[in-house]
Amino acid sequence: MREQGGGPAAAVYWFDGDPRWRPPQQVTPLTAQVEADVCIVGGGFTGLWSALHIKRLAPRTEVVLLEREFCGAGAAGRNGGW
């Protein structure tokens, strides 16, 4: 098991191929309580599209999206085995 905040599990090749891409800034862990109507865990395709869809349907809904690494760092950014 990887340590928390230890970086992506493997290279995300589509990021590496873009000369404009820069590694995300180090973000501090969530330490305070956050109020939200919806909490989405994971910034892959499903999490991001869910957040967008909820905000389009109900713009006043408070949506929080939690991601351990950076959006697209997991299977969404690599070959997920499909």
N, C-alpha and C. Protein backbone atom coordinates (compact mmCIF):
# COMPACT_ATOMS: atom_id res chain seq x y z
N MET A 1 0.84 -1.18 0.00
CA MET A 1 0.00 0.00 0.00
C MET A 1 0.88 1.24 0.00
N ARG A 2 0.52 2.22 -0.80
CA ARG A 2 1.28 3.47 -0.88
C ARG A 2 0.98 4.35 0.32
N GLU A 3 1.97 5.18 0.64
CA GLU A 3 1.73 6.17 1.68
C GLU A 3 0.91 7.30 1.09
N GLN A 4 0.08 7.90 1.94
CA GLN A 4 -0.76 9.00 1.49
C GLN A 4 0.11 10.16 1.02
N GLY A 5 -0.23 10.73 -0.14
CA GLY A 5 0.51 11.86 -0.67
C GLY A 5 1.84 11.49 -1.28
N GLY A 6 2.06 10.21 -1.54
CA GLY A 6 3.34 9.76 -2.07
C GLY A 6 3.48 9.91 -3.57
N GLY A 7 2.52 10.53 -4.24
CA GLY A 7 2.59 10.72 -5.68
C GLY A 7 1.78 9.65 -6.40
N PRO A 8 1.57 9.83 -7.69
CA PRO A 8 0.78 8.87 -8.45
C PRO A 8 1.40 7.48 -8.44
N ALA A 9 0.55 6.47 -8.53
CA ALA A 9 1.02 5.08 -8.50
C ALA A 9 1.88 4.76 -9.71
N ALA A 10 1.57 5.32 -10.84
CA ALA A 10 2.33 5.08 -12.07
C ALA A 10 2.23 6.33 -12.93
N ALA A 11 3.06 6.39 -13.94
CA ALA A 11 3.08 7.57 -14.81
C ALA A 11 1.74 7.74 -15.52
N VAL A 12 1.33 8.97 -15.65
CA VAL A 12 0.14 9.31 -16.42
C VAL A 12 0.68 9.85 -17.74
N TYR A 13 0.75 8.99 -18.75
CA TYR A 13 1.49 9.30 -19.97
C TYR A 13 0.89 10.44 -20.77
N TRP A 14 -0.41 10.63 -20.73
CA TRP A 14 -0.95 11.74 -21.51
C TRP A 14 -0.62 13.08 -20.88
N PHE A 15 -0.30 13.12 -19.59
CA PHE A 15 0.21 14.36 -18.98
C PHE A 15 1.66 14.57 -19.41
N ASP A 16 2.45 13.51 -19.39
CA ASP A 16 3.87 13.61 -19.73
C ASP A 16 4.10 14.06 -21.17
N GLY A 17 3.17 13.77 -22.06
CA GLY A 17 3.33 14.13 -23.46
C GLY A 17 2.99 15.57 -23.78
N ASP A 18 2.41 16.30 -22.84
CA ASP A 18 2.01 17.69 -23.07
C ASP A 18 3.05 18.62 -22.46
N PRO A 19 3.77 19.39 -23.27
CA PRO A 19 4.82 20.26 -22.71
C PRO A 19 4.28 21.37 -21.81
N ARG A 20 2.98 21.64 -21.88
CA ARG A 20 2.38 22.68 -21.03
C ARG A 20 2.06 22.17 -19.63
N TRP A 21 2.03 20.84 -19.46
CA TRP A 21 1.61 20.28 -18.18
C TRP A 21 2.67 20.49 -17.11
N ARG A 22 2.22 20.88 -15.94
CA ARG A 22 3.09 21.02 -14.77
C ARG A 22 2.49 20.18 -13.64
N PRO A 23 3.33 19.57 -12.82
CA PRO A 23 2.79 18.81 -11.69
C PRO A 23 1.92 19.70 -10.81
N PRO A 24 0.84 19.15 -10.26
CA PRO A 24 -0.02 19.96 -9.40
C PRO A 24 0.73 20.40 -8.15
N GLN A 25 0.32 21.54 -7.62
CA GLN A 25 0.92 22.02 -6.38
C GLN A 25 0.54 21.08 -5.25
N GLN A 26 1.42 20.98 -4.28
CA GLN A 26 1.13 20.16 -3.12
C GLN A 26 -0.05 20.78 -2.37
N VAL A 27 -1.05 20.00 -2.11
CA VAL A 27 -2.24 20.48 -1.42
C VAL A 27 -2.25 19.88 -0.03
N THR A 28 -2.56 20.69 0.95
CA THR A 28 -2.61 20.18 2.31
C THR A 28 -3.87 19.35 2.51
N PRO A 29 -3.82 18.34 3.35
CA PRO A 29 -5.00 17.52 3.62
C PRO A 29 -6.13 18.33 4.22
N LEU A 30 -7.33 17.88 3.98
CA LEU A 30 -8.51 18.51 4.56
C LEU A 30 -8.47 18.31 6.07
N THR A 31 -8.47 19.40 6.83
CA THR A 31 -8.37 19.30 8.28
C THR A 31 -9.59 19.87 8.99
N ALA A 32 -10.43 20.58 8.28
CA ALA A 32 -11.60 21.20 8.90
C ALA A 32 -12.86 20.55 8.36
N GLN A 33 -13.94 20.76 9.07
CA GLN A 33 -15.22 20.25 8.63
C GLN A 33 -15.73 21.11 7.48
N VAL A 34 -16.27 20.48 6.46
CA VAL A 34 -16.81 21.18 5.30
C VAL A 34 -18.28 20.82 5.17
N GLU A 35 -19.11 21.83 4.99
CA GLU A 35 -20.54 21.61 4.80
C GLU A 35 -20.84 21.51 3.31
N ALA A 36 -21.60 20.51 2.92
CA ALA A 36 -21.97 20.34 1.51
C ALA A 36 -23.27 19.55 1.43
N ASP A 37 -23.97 19.74 0.34
CA ASP A 37 -25.16 18.93 0.08
C ASP A 37 -24.77 17.57 -0.49
N VAL A 38 -23.71 17.57 -1.29
CA VAL A 38 -23.22 16.34 -1.93
C VAL A 38 -21.71 16.29 -1.81
N CYS A 39 -21.20 15.13 -1.42
CA CYS A 39 -19.76 14.91 -1.37
C CYS A 39 -19.43 13.77 -2.33
N ILE A 40 -18.55 14.05 -3.28
CA ILE A 40 -18.14 13.06 -4.26
C ILE A 40 -16.70 12.69 -3.96
N VAL A 41 -16.44 11.40 -3.84
CA VAL A 41 -15.08 10.93 -3.56
C VAL A 41 -14.50 10.36 -4.85
N GLY A 42 -13.47 11.02 -5.35
CA GLY A 42 -12.79 10.57 -6.55
C GLY A 42 -12.94 11.54 -7.71
N GLY A 43 -11.82 11.96 -8.26
CA GLY A 43 -11.81 12.91 -9.36
C GLY A 43 -11.52 12.27 -10.70
N GLY A 44 -12.08 11.09 -10.90
CA GLY A 44 -11.99 10.44 -12.21
C GLY A 44 -13.18 10.86 -13.06
N PHE A 45 -13.41 10.12 -14.14
CA PHE A 45 -14.52 10.47 -15.03
C PHE A 45 -15.86 10.52 -14.31
N THR A 46 -16.16 9.51 -13.53
CA THR A 46 -17.46 9.45 -12.87
C THR A 46 -17.63 10.58 -11.86
N GLY A 47 -16.61 10.83 -11.06
CA GLY A 47 -16.71 11.89 -10.07
C GLY A 47 -16.84 13.26 -10.68
N LEU A 48 -16.01 13.57 -11.67
CA LEU A 48 -16.06 14.89 -12.31
C LEU A 48 -17.37 15.11 -13.05
N TRP A 49 -17.80 14.11 -13.83
CA TRP A 49 -19.05 14.27 -14.56
C TRP A 49 -20.25 14.34 -13.62
N SER A 50 -20.20 13.61 -12.51
CA SER A 50 -21.28 13.70 -11.53
C SER A 50 -21.37 15.10 -10.96
N ALA A 51 -20.23 15.67 -10.59
CA ALA A 51 -20.22 17.03 -10.04
C ALA A 51 -20.76 18.03 -11.06
N LEU A 52 -20.32 17.93 -12.30
CA LEU A 52 -20.82 18.84 -13.34
C LEU A 52 -22.32 18.69 -13.55
N HIS A 53 -22.78 17.45 -13.63
CA HIS A 53 -24.20 17.19 -13.87
C HIS A 53 -25.05 17.73 -12.72
N ILE A 54 -24.63 17.51 -11.50
CA ILE A 54 -25.38 18.01 -10.34
C ILE A 54 -25.47 19.53 -10.40
N LYS A 55 -24.34 20.20 -10.66
CA LYS A 55 -24.34 21.67 -10.70
C LYS A 55 -25.19 22.21 -11.85
N ARG A 56 -25.23 21.51 -12.97
CA ARG A 56 -26.08 21.96 -14.08
C ARG A 56 -27.55 21.81 -13.75
N LEU A 57 -27.91 20.71 -13.09
CA LEU A 57 -29.31 20.48 -12.73
C LEU A 57 -29.77 21.35 -11.57
N ALA A 58 -28.88 21.58 -10.62
CA ALA A 58 -29.23 22.33 -9.41
C ALA A 58 -28.06 23.23 -9.04
N PRO A 59 -27.92 24.39 -9.70
CA PRO A 59 -26.74 25.24 -9.50
C PRO A 59 -26.49 25.68 -8.06
N ARG A 60 -27.51 25.72 -7.24
CA ARG A 60 -27.32 26.15 -5.84
C ARG A 60 -26.86 25.02 -4.92
N THR A 61 -26.78 23.82 -5.44
CA THR A 61 -26.33 22.68 -4.64
C THR A 61 -24.85 22.83 -4.34
N GLU A 62 -24.50 22.69 -3.07
CA GLU A 62 -23.09 22.75 -2.65
C GLU A 62 -22.47 21.37 -2.89
N VAL A 63 -21.54 21.30 -3.81
CA VAL A 63 -20.88 20.04 -4.17
C VAL A 63 -19.41 20.12 -3.78
N VAL A 64 -18.94 19.10 -3.08
CA VAL A 64 -17.52 18.99 -2.73
C VAL A 64 -16.99 17.72 -3.38
N LEU A 65 -15.86 17.84 -4.07
CA LEU A 65 -15.22 16.70 -4.70
C LEU A 65 -13.88 16.48 -4.02
N LEU A 66 -13.67 15.29 -3.49
CA LEU A 66 -12.42 14.94 -2.81
C LEU A 66 -11.59 14.02 -3.70
N GLU A 67 -10.32 14.34 -3.85
CA GLU A 67 -9.42 13.52 -4.65
C GLU A 67 -8.10 13.38 -3.91
N ARG A 68 -7.60 12.17 -3.79
CA ARG A 68 -6.37 11.91 -3.05
C ARG A 68 -5.13 12.44 -3.76
N GLU A 69 -5.07 12.30 -5.06
CA GLU A 69 -3.90 12.74 -5.82
C GLU A 69 -4.24 14.04 -6.55
N PHE A 70 -4.52 13.95 -7.83
CA PHE A 70 -5.04 15.05 -8.63
C PHE A 70 -5.99 14.44 -9.64
N CYS A 71 -6.92 15.22 -10.13
CA CYS A 71 -7.94 14.69 -11.04
C CYS A 71 -7.27 14.07 -12.26
N GLY A 72 -7.64 12.83 -12.53
CA GLY A 72 -7.06 12.09 -13.65
C GLY A 72 -5.83 11.28 -13.28
N ALA A 73 -5.44 11.26 -12.01
CA ALA A 73 -4.23 10.54 -11.61
C ALA A 73 -4.45 9.04 -11.49
N GLY A 74 -5.68 8.62 -11.36
CA GLY A 74 -5.96 7.19 -11.19
C GLY A 74 -6.17 6.50 -12.53
N ALA A 75 -7.06 5.53 -12.54
CA ALA A 75 -7.31 4.75 -13.75
C ALA A 75 -7.82 5.61 -14.90
N ALA A 76 -8.48 6.73 -14.58
CA ALA A 76 -8.99 7.61 -15.64
C ALA A 76 -7.85 8.20 -16.47
N GLY A 77 -6.68 8.35 -15.89
CA GLY A 77 -5.55 8.92 -16.60
C GLY A 77 -4.62 7.90 -17.20
N ARG A 78 -4.88 6.63 -16.94
CA ARG A 78 -4.05 5.55 -17.48
C ARG A 78 -4.97 4.52 -18.11
N ASN A 79 -4.40 3.47 -18.62
CA ASN A 79 -5.20 2.37 -19.11
C ASN A 79 -5.77 1.65 -17.91
N GLY A 80 -7.07 1.76 -17.70
CA GLY A 80 -7.71 1.14 -16.55
C GLY A 80 -7.99 -0.34 -16.75
N GLY A 81 -7.45 -0.94 -17.80
CA GLY A 81 -7.64 -2.36 -18.02
C GLY A 81 -8.77 -2.71 -18.96
N TRP A 82 -9.30 -1.71 -19.67
CA TRP A 82 -10.42 -1.99 -20.57
C TRP A 82 -9.91 -2.48 -21.87
